[in-house]
Amino acid sequence: MSDNSPASESPGRPQVPAADQTLRILTFLARQRGPIAASTLATHLGIPRSSMYHLLATLEEHGFVVHVPSERRWGLGTAAFELAGGYARQQPLARLGRPLVAALADRTGESAHLAVMTGSDVLYIVEERAPRRPALVTDVGVRLPAHLTATGRAMLAALPREQVRALYPGSASFADRTGRGPRRPGELREVLRQVRVDGFATEDGEVTLGLRSVGVAVRDHAGWPVAAVAVTWPDDSAQQASTFAALLEAAAAELRRRLYGSGAGVSAR
């Protein structure tokens, strides 16, 4: 009589091979600088090509991967970002980021915040209001369109271009708040190109008229944007975005160190 208890299973062999393969696919894609071919995935992971295509089709159906037909490559989809945002909203990021955001508000005299991506929105998880400064819509738990915010633009600029195209496939993807900001994919590409040149993102009255923001992405060890820090101030102030950018870059680097350790490097995408 055979023993079918879990203890009798062969050690090291996954009991649900499809689940094991699916998780290995997602993990492998998350470590790449951009989408890769299915054949490359199959070779690196030792999964038969026929099985690989079935797994990728299922993952695509649920939004965890996206197919780039022109390049015959696969990358992470928006559902994967939702999972990343869900993790980021848990205790570690908010707990470690809160004192850094508070320090930013103290040093700049302006309101500061920390946000994560969730789909094509940003979700604010830490908010520090500076005394006697204007009220903001960026309270904890508030979602705003990523393409309009400094935090969102900082994170979008750090994503592979294929992922940005998946999030913003056409004009219908662009929400509007004040009549300002990109309304088509080409306009967003130009905004993000400038973010990459400057090293920080800005917005001027695109979330709230009369207010400006500057943001910097917080990247993980592979260069993936897990969050962004930002400062917001009135547009009638003499302050310039570049004045705050260095402080935000230092805060982003320190948060990355606290999350991943002093040895965490950042790969450019």
C-alpha atoms as a PDB file:
ATOM      1  CA  MET A   1       0.000   0.000   0.000  1.00  0.00           C
ATOM      2  CA  SER A   2       1.554   3.250  -1.094  1.00  0.00           C
ATOM      3  CA  ASP A   3       1.851   6.255   1.193  1.00  0.00           C
ATOM      4  CA  ASN A   4       0.262   9.276  -0.518  1.00  0.00           C
ATOM      5  CA  SER A   5       0.941  11.687   2.308  1.00  0.00           C
ATOM      6  CA  PRO A   6       2.882  14.921   1.557  1.00  0.00           C
ATOM      7  CA  ALA A   7       5.870  13.531   3.433  1.00  0.00           C
ATOM      8  CA  SER A   8       6.293  10.851   0.801  1.00  0.00           C
ATOM      9  CA  GLU A   9       6.670  13.332  -2.068  1.00  0.00           C
ATOM     10  CA  SER A  10      10.137  13.595  -3.622  1.00  0.00           C
ATOM     11  CA  PRO A  11      12.040  16.421  -1.944  1.00  0.00           C
ATOM     12  CA  GLY A  12      12.686  19.440  -4.129  1.00  0.00           C
ATOM     13  CA  ARG A  13      10.113  18.469  -6.770  1.00  0.00           C
ATOM     14  CA  PRO A  14       7.221  20.958  -7.127  1.00  0.00           C
ATOM     15  CA  GLN A  15       3.846  19.379  -6.390  1.00  0.00           C
ATOM     16  CA  VAL A  16       2.112  21.779  -8.811  1.00  0.00           C
ATOM     17  CA  PRO A  17       4.472  22.097 -11.806  1.00  0.00           C
ATOM     18  CA  ALA A  18       2.351  24.668 -13.688  1.00  0.00           C
ATOM     19  CA  ALA A  19       2.277  26.974 -10.664  1.00  0.00           C
ATOM     20  CA  ASP A  20       6.026  26.569 -10.206  1.00  0.00           C
ATOM     21  CA  GLN A  21       6.665  27.369 -13.877  1.00  0.00           C
ATOM     22  CA  THR A  22       4.339  30.378 -13.805  1.00  0.00           C
ATOM     23  CA  LEU A  23       6.094  31.874 -10.795  1.00  0.00           C
ATOM     24  CA  ARG A  24       9.511  31.263 -12.335  1.00  0.00           C
ATOM     25  CA  ILE A  25       8.404  33.016 -15.545  1.00  0.00           C
ATOM     26  CA  LEU A  26       7.228  36.090 -13.631  1.00  0.00           C
ATOM     27  CA  THR A  27      10.362  36.146 -11.498  1.00  0.00           C
ATOM     28  CA  PHE A  28      12.609  35.884 -14.546  1.00  0.00           C
ATOM     29  CA  LEU A  29      10.744  38.656 -16.411  1.00  0.00           C
ATOM     30  CA  ALA A  30      10.951  40.934 -13.362  1.00  0.00           C
ATOM     31  CA  ARG A  31      14.758  40.709 -13.458  1.00  0.00           C
ATOM     32  CA  GLN A  32      15.095  41.725 -17.108  1.00  0.00           C
ATOM     33  CA  ARG A  33      15.664  45.212 -18.482  1.00  0.00           C
ATOM     34  CA  GLY A  34      12.839  44.804 -20.976  1.00  0.00           C
ATOM     35  CA  PRO A  35      10.628  42.267 -22.766  1.00  0.00           C
ATOM     36  CA  ILE A  36      12.285  39.081 -24.062  1.00  0.00           C
ATOM     37  CA  ALA A  37      11.418  36.324 -26.517  1.00  0.00           C
ATOM     38  CA  ALA A  38       9.423  33.267 -25.463  1.00  0.00           C
ATOM     39  CA  SER A  39      12.201  31.054 -26.785  1.00  0.00           C
ATOM     40  CA  THR A  40      14.672  32.777 -24.468  1.00  0.00           C
ATOM     41  CA  LEU A  41      12.359  32.189 -21.528  1.00  0.00           C
ATOM     42  CA  ALA A  42      11.946  28.519 -22.445  1.00  0.00           C
ATOM     43  CA  THR A  43      15.694  27.990 -22.769  1.00  0.00           C
ATOM     44  CA  HIS A  44      16.666  29.746 -19.541  1.00  0.00           C
ATOM     45  CA  LEU A  45      13.922  28.122 -17.467  1.00  0.00           C
ATOM     46  CA  GLY A  46      14.034  24.660 -19.029  1.00  0.00           C
ATOM     47  CA  ILE A  47      10.335  24.722 -19.930  1.00  0.00           C
ATOM     48  CA  PRO A  48       9.157  23.125 -23.205  1.00  0.00           C
ATOM     49  CA  ARG A  49       8.228  25.760 -25.776  1.00  0.00           C
ATOM     50  CA  SER A  50       4.701  24.411 -26.207  1.00  0.00           C
ATOM     51  CA  SER A  51       4.108  24.705 -22.457  1.00  0.00           C
ATOM     52  CA  MET A  52       5.734  28.147 -22.409  1.00  0.00           C
ATOM     53  CA  TYR A  53       3.318  29.536 -25.004  1.00  0.00           C
ATOM     54  CA  HIS A  54       0.307  28.119 -23.147  1.00  0.00           C
ATOM     55  CA  LEU A  55       1.521  29.627 -19.863  1.00  0.00           C
ATOM     56  CA  LEU A  56       2.230  33.006 -21.462  1.00  0.00           C
ATOM     57  CA  ALA A  57      -1.213  33.055 -23.107  1.00  0.00           C
ATOM     58  CA  THR A  58      -2.872  32.445 -19.736  1.00  0.00           C
ATOM     59  CA  LEU A  59      -0.737  35.083 -18.029  1.00  0.00           C
ATOM     60  CA  GLU A  60      -1.570  37.554 -20.806  1.00  0.00           C
ATOM     61  CA  GLU A  61      -5.297  36.843 -20.422  1.00  0.00           C
ATOM     62  CA  HIS A  62      -5.053  37.840 -16.763  1.00  0.00           C
ATOM     63  CA  GLY A  63      -2.855  40.875 -17.413  1.00  0.00           C
ATOM     64  CA  PHE A  64       0.337  39.579 -15.808  1.00  0.00           C
ATOM     65  CA  VAL A  65       2.334  39.709 -19.044  1.00  0.00           C
ATOM     66  CA  VAL A  66       2.058  41.755 -22.214  1.00  0.00           C
ATOM     67  CA  HIS A  67       3.000  40.655 -25.733  1.00  0.00           C
ATOM     68  CA  VAL A  68       4.816  43.065 -28.055  1.00  0.00           C
ATOM     69  CA  PRO A  69       3.901  41.640 -31.503  1.00  0.00           C
ATOM     70  CA  SER A  70       6.290  43.857 -33.477  1.00  0.00           C
ATOM     71  CA  GLU A  71       9.243  42.479 -31.498  1.00  0.00           C
ATOM     72  CA  ARG A  72       7.831  39.017 -30.698  1.00  0.00           C
ATOM     73  CA  ARG A  73       8.727  39.568 -27.079  1.00  0.00           C
ATOM     74  CA  TRP A  74       7.024  39.333 -23.702  1.00  0.00           C
ATOM     75  CA  GLY A  75       7.205  41.616 -20.669  1.00  0.00           C
ATOM     76  CA  LEU A  76       5.420  42.152 -17.382  1.00  0.00           C
ATOM     77  CA  GLY A  77       1.844  43.412 -17.589  1.00  0.00           C
ATOM     78  CA  THR A  78      -0.203  45.785 -15.474  1.00  0.00           C
ATOM     79  CA  ALA A  79      -1.458  43.054 -13.122  1.00  0.00           C
ATOM     80  CA  ALA A  80       2.153  42.424 -12.103  1.00  0.00           C
ATOM     81  CA  PHE A  81       2.443  46.108 -11.209  1.00  0.00           C
ATOM     82  CA  GLU A  82      -0.694  45.763  -9.111  1.00  0.00           C
ATOM     83  CA  LEU A  83       1.009  42.998  -7.118  1.00  0.00           C
ATOM     84  CA  ALA A  84       4.139  45.115  -6.714  1.00  0.00           C
ATOM     85  CA  GLY A  85       2.039  48.027  -5.551  1.00  0.00           C
ATOM     86  CA  GLY A  86       0.191  45.776  -3.126  1.00  0.00           C
ATOM     87  CA  TYR A  87       3.458  44.682  -1.559  1.00  0.00           C
ATOM     88  CA  ALA A  88       4.760  48.242  -1.506  1.00  0.00           C
ATOM     89  CA  ARG A  89       1.658  49.420   0.318  1.00  0.00           C
ATOM     90  CA  GLN A  90       2.413  47.048   3.170  1.00  0.00           C
ATOM     91  CA  GLN A  91       4.277  48.089   6.261  1.00  0.00           C
ATOM     92  CA  PRO A  92       7.942  48.156   5.120  1.00  0.00           C
ATOM     93  CA  LEU A  93       7.751  50.924   2.532  1.00  0.00           C
ATOM     94  CA  ALA A  94       5.423  53.215   4.482  1.00  0.00           C
ATOM     95  CA  ARG A  95       7.244  52.635   7.764  1.00  0.00           C
ATOM     96  CA  LEU A  96      10.710  53.218   6.326  1.00  0.00           C
ATOM     97  CA  GLY A  97       9.610  56.070   4.091  1.00  0.00           C
ATOM     98  CA  ARG A  98       7.641  58.104   6.632  1.00  0.00           C
ATOM     99  CA  PRO A  99      10.625  59.634   8.504  1.00  0.00           C
ATOM    100  CA  LEU A 100      12.350  60.476   5.217  1.00  0.00           C
ATOM    101  CA  VAL A 101       9.244  62.222   3.882  1.00  0.00           C
ATOM    102  CA  ALA A 102       8.913  64.123   7.175  1.00  0.00           C
ATOM    103  CA  ALA A 103      12.552  65.207   6.888  1.00  0.00           C
ATOM    104  CA  LEU A 104      11.919  66.430   3.342  1.00  0.00           C
ATOM    105  CA  ALA A 105       9.011  68.568   4.527  1.00  0.00           C
ATOM    106  CA  ASP A 106      11.153  70.011   7.334  1.00  0.00           C
ATOM    107  CA  ARG A 107      14.106  70.826   5.066  1.00  0.00           C
ATOM    108  CA  THR A 108      12.089  72.300   2.194  1.00  0.00           C
ATOM    109  CA  GLY A 109       9.299  73.946   4.172  1.00  0.00           C
ATOM    110  CA  GLU A 110       6.883  72.414   1.640  1.00  0.00           C
ATOM    111  CA  SER A 111       4.572  69.399   1.673  1.00  0.00           C
ATOM    112  CA  ALA A 112       6.126  66.050   0.714  1.00  0.00           C
ATOM    113  CA  HIS A 113       4.731  62.634  -0.141  1.00  0.00           C
ATOM    114  CA  LEU A 114       5.507  59.047  -1.110  1.00  0.00           C
ATOM    115  CA  ALA A 115       3.479  57.179  -3.732  1.00  0.00           C
ATOM    116  CA  VAL A 116       3.403  53.810  -5.522  1.00  0.00           C
ATOM    117  CA  MET A 117       2.078  52.774  -8.928  1.00  0.00           C
ATOM    118  CA  THR A 118      -1.159  50.828  -9.148  1.00  0.00           C
ATOM    119  CA  GLY A 119      -2.144  50.241 -12.758  1.00  0.00           C
ATOM    120  CA  SER A 120      -2.046  53.617 -14.490  1.00  0.00           C
ATOM    121  CA  ASP A 121      -2.631  55.490 -11.226  1.00  0.00           C
ATOM    122  CA  VAL A 122      -0.435  56.478  -8.334  1.00  0.00           C
ATOM    123  CA  LEU A 123      -1.534  55.732  -4.780  1.00  0.00           C
ATOM    124  CA  TYR A 124      -0.255  57.982  -1.979  1.00  0.00           C
ATOM    125  CA  ILE A 125       0.936  55.999   1.045  1.00  0.00           C
ATOM    126  CA  VAL A 126       2.735  58.724   3.050  1.00  0.00           C
ATOM    127  CA  GLU A 127       1.826  62.424   3.225  1.00  0.00           C
ATOM    128  CA  GLU A 128       3.564  65.097   5.275  1.00  0.00           C
ATOM    129  CA  ARG A 129       1.922  68.542   5.232  1.00  0.00           C
ATOM    130  CA  ALA A 130       4.166  71.531   5.861  1.00  0.00           C
ATOM    131  CA  PRO A 131       2.781  74.236   8.198  1.00  0.00           C
ATOM    132  CA  ARG A 132       0.892  77.106   6.551  1.00  0.00           C
ATOM    133  CA  ARG A 133       1.097  75.570   3.103  1.00  0.00           C
ATOM    134  CA  PRO A 134      -1.880  75.036   0.742  1.00  0.00           C
ATOM    135  CA  ALA A 135      -4.134  72.008   1.202  1.00  0.00           C
ATOM    136  CA  LEU A 136      -3.393  69.185  -1.249  1.00  0.00           C
ATOM    137  CA  VAL A 137      -5.454  66.422  -2.843  1.00  0.00           C
ATOM    138  CA  THR A 138      -2.575  63.948  -2.342  1.00  0.00           C
ATOM    139  CA  ASP A 139      -3.752  62.526   0.981  1.00  0.00           C
ATOM    140  CA  VAL A 140      -2.936  58.972   2.078  1.00  0.00           C
ATOM    141  CA  GLY A 141      -5.109  56.514   0.136  1.00  0.00           C
ATOM    142  CA  VAL A 142      -5.856  58.947  -2.714  1.00  0.00           C
ATOM    143  CA  ARG A 143      -5.348  57.761  -6.292  1.00  0.00           C
ATOM    144  CA  LEU A 144      -4.444  60.120  -9.145  1.00  0.00           C
ATOM    145  CA  PRO A 145      -3.628  59.531 -12.838  1.00  0.00           C
ATOM    146  CA  ALA A 146       0.082  58.707 -13.016  1.00  0.00           C
ATOM    147  CA  HIS A 147       0.702  60.679 -16.229  1.00  0.00           C
ATOM    148  CA  LEU A 148      -0.353  63.928 -14.514  1.00  0.00           C
ATOM    149  CA  THR A 149       1.689  63.630 -11.311  1.00  0.00           C
ATOM    150  CA  ALA A 150       5.396  64.118 -10.646  1.00  0.00           C
ATOM    151  CA  THR A 151       5.574  60.832  -8.733  1.00  0.00           C
ATOM    152  CA  GLY A 152       3.810  58.968 -11.535  1.00  0.00           C
ATOM    153  CA  ARG A 153       5.985  60.463 -14.260  1.00  0.00           C
ATOM    154  CA  ALA A 154       9.138  59.613 -12.308  1.00  0.00           C
ATOM    155  CA  MET A 155       8.046  55.965 -12.107  1.00  0.00           C
ATOM    156  CA  LEU A 156       6.743  55.768 -15.690  1.00  0.00           C
ATOM    157  CA  ALA A 157      10.061  57.099 -16.997  1.00  0.00           C
ATOM    158  CA  ALA A 158      11.832  54.239 -15.203  1.00  0.00           C
ATOM    159  CA  LEU A 159       9.628  51.560 -16.796  1.00  0.00           C
ATOM    160  CA  PRO A 160      10.439  49.843 -20.102  1.00  0.00           C
ATOM    161  CA  ARG A 161       8.735  51.689 -22.951  1.00  0.00           C
ATOM    162  CA  GLU A 162       6.687  48.600 -23.805  1.00  0.00           C
ATOM    163  CA  GLN A 163       5.074  48.689 -20.362  1.00  0.00           C
ATOM    164  CA  VAL A 164       4.213  52.368 -20.786  1.00  0.00           C
ATOM    165  CA  ARG A 165       2.581  51.594 -24.139  1.00  0.00           C
ATOM    166  CA  ALA A 166       0.539  48.842 -22.484  1.00  0.00           C
ATOM    167  CA  LEU A 167      -0.685  51.286 -19.835  1.00  0.00           C
ATOM    168  CA  TYR A 168      -1.425  54.071 -22.348  1.00  0.00           C
ATOM    169  CA  PRO A 169      -2.408  52.458 -25.667  1.00  0.00           C
ATOM    170  CA  GLY A 170      -4.434  55.431 -26.951  1.00  0.00           C
ATOM    171  CA  SER A 171      -5.997  58.817 -26.230  1.00  0.00           C
ATOM    172  CA  ALA A 172      -8.838  57.251 -24.236  1.00  0.00           C
ATOM    173  CA  SER A 173      -6.279  56.241 -21.584  1.00  0.00           C
ATOM    174  CA  PHE A 174      -5.530  59.858 -20.628  1.00  0.00           C
ATOM    175  CA  ALA A 175      -7.613  61.338 -17.818  1.00  0.00           C
ATOM    176  CA  ASP A 176      -7.730  65.112 -17.377  1.00  0.00           C
ATOM    177  CA  ARG A 177      -8.015  67.282 -14.251  1.00  0.00           C
ATOM    178  CA  THR A 178      -7.152  70.884 -15.116  1.00  0.00           C
ATOM    179  CA  GLY A 179      -6.925  70.959 -18.911  1.00  0.00           C
ATOM    180  CA  ARG A 180      -3.149  70.563 -18.770  1.00  0.00           C
ATOM    181  CA  GLY A 181      -0.903  67.577 -19.364  1.00  0.00           C
ATOM    182  CA  PRO A 182      -0.374  64.963 -22.085  1.00  0.00           C
ATOM    183  CA  ARG A 183      -3.444  63.678 -23.898  1.00  0.00           C
ATOM    184  CA  ARG A 184      -1.879  61.310 -26.417  1.00  0.00           C
ATOM    185  CA  PRO A 185       0.831  58.619 -26.265  1.00  0.00           C
ATOM    186  CA  GLY A 186       3.254  60.757 -28.276  1.00  0.00           C
ATOM    187  CA  GLU A 187       2.905  63.664 -25.849  1.00  0.00           C
ATOM    188  CA  LEU A 188       3.523  61.367 -22.888  1.00  0.00           C
ATOM    189  CA  ARG A 189       6.617  59.918 -24.566  1.00  0.00           C
ATOM    190  CA  GLU A 190       8.052  63.422 -24.865  1.00  0.00           C
ATOM    191  CA  VAL A 191       7.299  64.182 -21.203  1.00  0.00           C
ATOM    192  CA  LEU A 192       9.015  60.970 -20.101  1.00  0.00           C
ATOM    193  CA  ARG A 193      11.973  61.606 -22.404  1.00  0.00           C
ATOM    194  CA  GLN A 194      12.551  64.899 -20.601  1.00  0.00           C
ATOM    195  CA  VAL A 195      12.284  63.163 -17.228  1.00  0.00           C
ATOM    196  CA  ARG A 196      15.056  60.775 -18.251  1.00  0.00           C
ATOM    197  CA  VAL A 197      17.219  63.708 -19.395  1.00  0.00           C
ATOM    198  CA  ASP A 198      16.661  65.718 -16.198  1.00  0.00           C
ATOM    199  CA  GLY A 199      16.766  62.813 -13.751  1.00  0.00           C
ATOM    200  CA  PHE A 200      13.577  64.048 -12.055  1.00  0.00           C
ATOM    201  CA  ALA A 201       9.936  64.634 -13.006  1.00  0.00           C
ATOM    202  CA  THR A 202       7.864  67.798 -12.725  1.00  0.00           C
ATOM    203  CA  GLU A 203       4.252  68.858 -13.109  1.00  0.00           C
ATOM    204  CA  ASP A 204       2.869  72.406 -13.153  1.00  0.00           C
ATOM    205  CA  GLY A 205      -0.817  72.822 -12.399  1.00  0.00           C
ATOM    206  CA  GLU A 206      -1.748  69.477 -13.956  1.00  0.00           C
ATOM    207  CA  VAL A 207      -3.045  68.041 -10.670  1.00  0.00           C
ATOM    208  CA  THR A 208      -4.179  71.285  -9.021  1.00  0.00           C
ATOM    209  CA  LEU A 209      -4.001  74.746 -10.578  1.00  0.00           C
ATOM    210  CA  GLY A 210      -1.592  76.985  -8.676  1.00  0.00           C
ATOM    211  CA  LEU A 211       0.600  74.146  -7.421  1.00  0.00           C
ATOM    212  CA  ARG A 212       3.753  72.552  -8.807  1.00  0.00           C
ATOM    213  CA  SER A 213       5.552  69.305  -7.905  1.00  0.00           C
ATOM    214  CA  VAL A 214       8.857  67.585  -8.499  1.00  0.00           C
ATOM    215  CA  GLY A 215       9.384  63.836  -8.009  1.00  0.00           C
ATOM    216  CA  VAL A 216      12.128  61.203  -8.072  1.00  0.00           C
ATOM    217  CA  ALA A 217      11.687  57.438  -8.417  1.00  0.00           C
ATOM    218  CA  VAL A 218      12.805  54.917  -5.793  1.00  0.00           C
ATOM    219  CA  ARG A 219      14.230  51.896  -7.637  1.00  0.00           C
ATOM    220  CA  ASP A 220      14.852  48.358  -6.481  1.00  0.00           C
ATOM    221  CA  HIS A 221      18.064  46.377  -7.007  1.00  0.00           C
ATOM    222  CA  ALA A 222      17.119  45.720 -10.644  1.00  0.00           C
ATOM    223  CA  GLY A 223      16.240  49.340 -11.397  1.00  0.00           C
ATOM    224  CA  TRP A 224      12.465  48.794 -11.218  1.00  0.00           C
ATOM    225  CA  PRO A 225      10.479  51.757  -9.769  1.00  0.00           C
ATOM    226  CA  VAL A 226       8.827  50.628  -6.533  1.00  0.00           C
ATOM    227  CA  ALA A 227       7.801  54.113  -5.406  1.00  0.00           C
ATOM    228  CA  ALA A 228       8.515  57.826  -5.833  1.00  0.00           C
ATOM    229  CA  VAL A 229       9.034  60.752  -3.484  1.00  0.00           C
ATOM    230  CA  ALA A 230       7.892  64.280  -4.299  1.00  0.00           C
ATOM    231  CA  VAL A 231       7.581  67.829  -2.983  1.00  0.00           C
ATOM    232  CA  THR A 232       4.703  70.198  -3.858  1.00  0.00           C
ATOM    233  CA  TRP A 233       4.751  73.984  -3.585  1.00  0.00           C
ATOM    234  CA  PRO A 234       2.763  77.049  -4.821  1.00  0.00           C
ATOM    235  CA  ASP A 235       3.644  78.186  -8.328  1.00  0.00           C
ATOM    236  CA  ASP A 236       3.913  81.823  -7.180  1.00  0.00           C
ATOM    237  CA  SER A 237       6.965  80.841  -5.115  1.00  0.00           C
ATOM    238  CA  ALA A 238      10.473  81.619  -6.346  1.00  0.00           C
ATOM    239  CA  GLN A 239      11.496  78.020  -5.656  1.00  0.00           C
ATOM    240  CA  GLN A 240      12.647  75.977  -8.653  1.00  0.00           C
ATOM    241  CA  ALA A 241      12.274  72.234  -9.212  1.00  0.00           C
ATOM    242  CA  SER A 242      16.042  71.808  -9.411  1.00  0.00           C
ATOM    243  CA  THR A 243      16.326  73.232  -5.883  1.00  0.00           C
ATOM    244  CA  PHE A 244      14.362  70.285  -4.498  1.00  0.00           C
ATOM    245  CA  ALA A 245      15.644  67.606  -6.888  1.00  0.00           C
ATOM    246  CA  ALA A 246      18.930  66.962  -5.060  1.00  0.00           C
ATOM    247  CA  LEU A 247      17.112  66.522  -1.740  1.00  0.00           C
ATOM    248  CA  LEU A 248      14.626  64.134  -3.343  1.00  0.00           C
ATOM    249  CA  GLU A 249      17.408  62.112  -4.977  1.00  0.00           C
ATOM    250  CA  ALA A 250      19.142  61.743  -1.615  1.00  0.00           C
ATOM    251  CA  ALA A 251      15.878  60.682   0.040  1.00  0.00           C
ATOM    252  CA  ALA A 252      15.158  58.152  -2.732  1.00  0.00           C
ATOM    253  CA  ALA A 253      18.668  56.701  -2.424  1.00  0.00           C
ATOM    254  CA  GLU A 254      18.349  56.408   1.359  1.00  0.00           C
ATOM    255  CA  LEU A 255      14.950  54.717   1.113  1.00  0.00           C
ATOM    256  CA  ARG A 256      16.370  52.247  -1.403  1.00  0.00           C
ATOM    257  CA  ARG A 257      19.249  51.524   0.994  1.00  0.00           C
ATOM    258  CA  ARG A 258      16.845  50.929   3.878  1.00  0.00           C
ATOM    259  CA  LEU A 259      14.670  48.640   1.770  1.00  0.00           C
ATOM    260  CA  TYR A 260      17.362  46.588   0.048  1.00  0.00           C
ATOM    261  CA  GLY A 261      20.624  47.160   1.929  1.00  0.00           C
ATOM    262  CA  SER A 262      23.749  49.160   1.230  1.00  0.00           C
ATOM    263  CA  GLY A 263      24.907  46.784  -1.511  1.00  0.00           C
ATOM    264  CA  ALA A 264      21.831  47.284  -3.716  1.00  0.00           C
ATOM    265  CA  GLY A 265      22.823  48.611  -7.081  1.00  0.00           C
ATOM    266  CA  VAL A 266      20.512  50.154  -9.646  1.00  0.00           C
ATOM    267  CA  SER A 267      20.453  49.066 -13.283  1.00  0.00           C
ATOM    268  CA  ALA A 268      19.471  51.641 -15.874  1.00  0.00           C
ATOM    269  CA  ARG A 269      16.532  50.667 -18.057  1.00  0.00           C
END
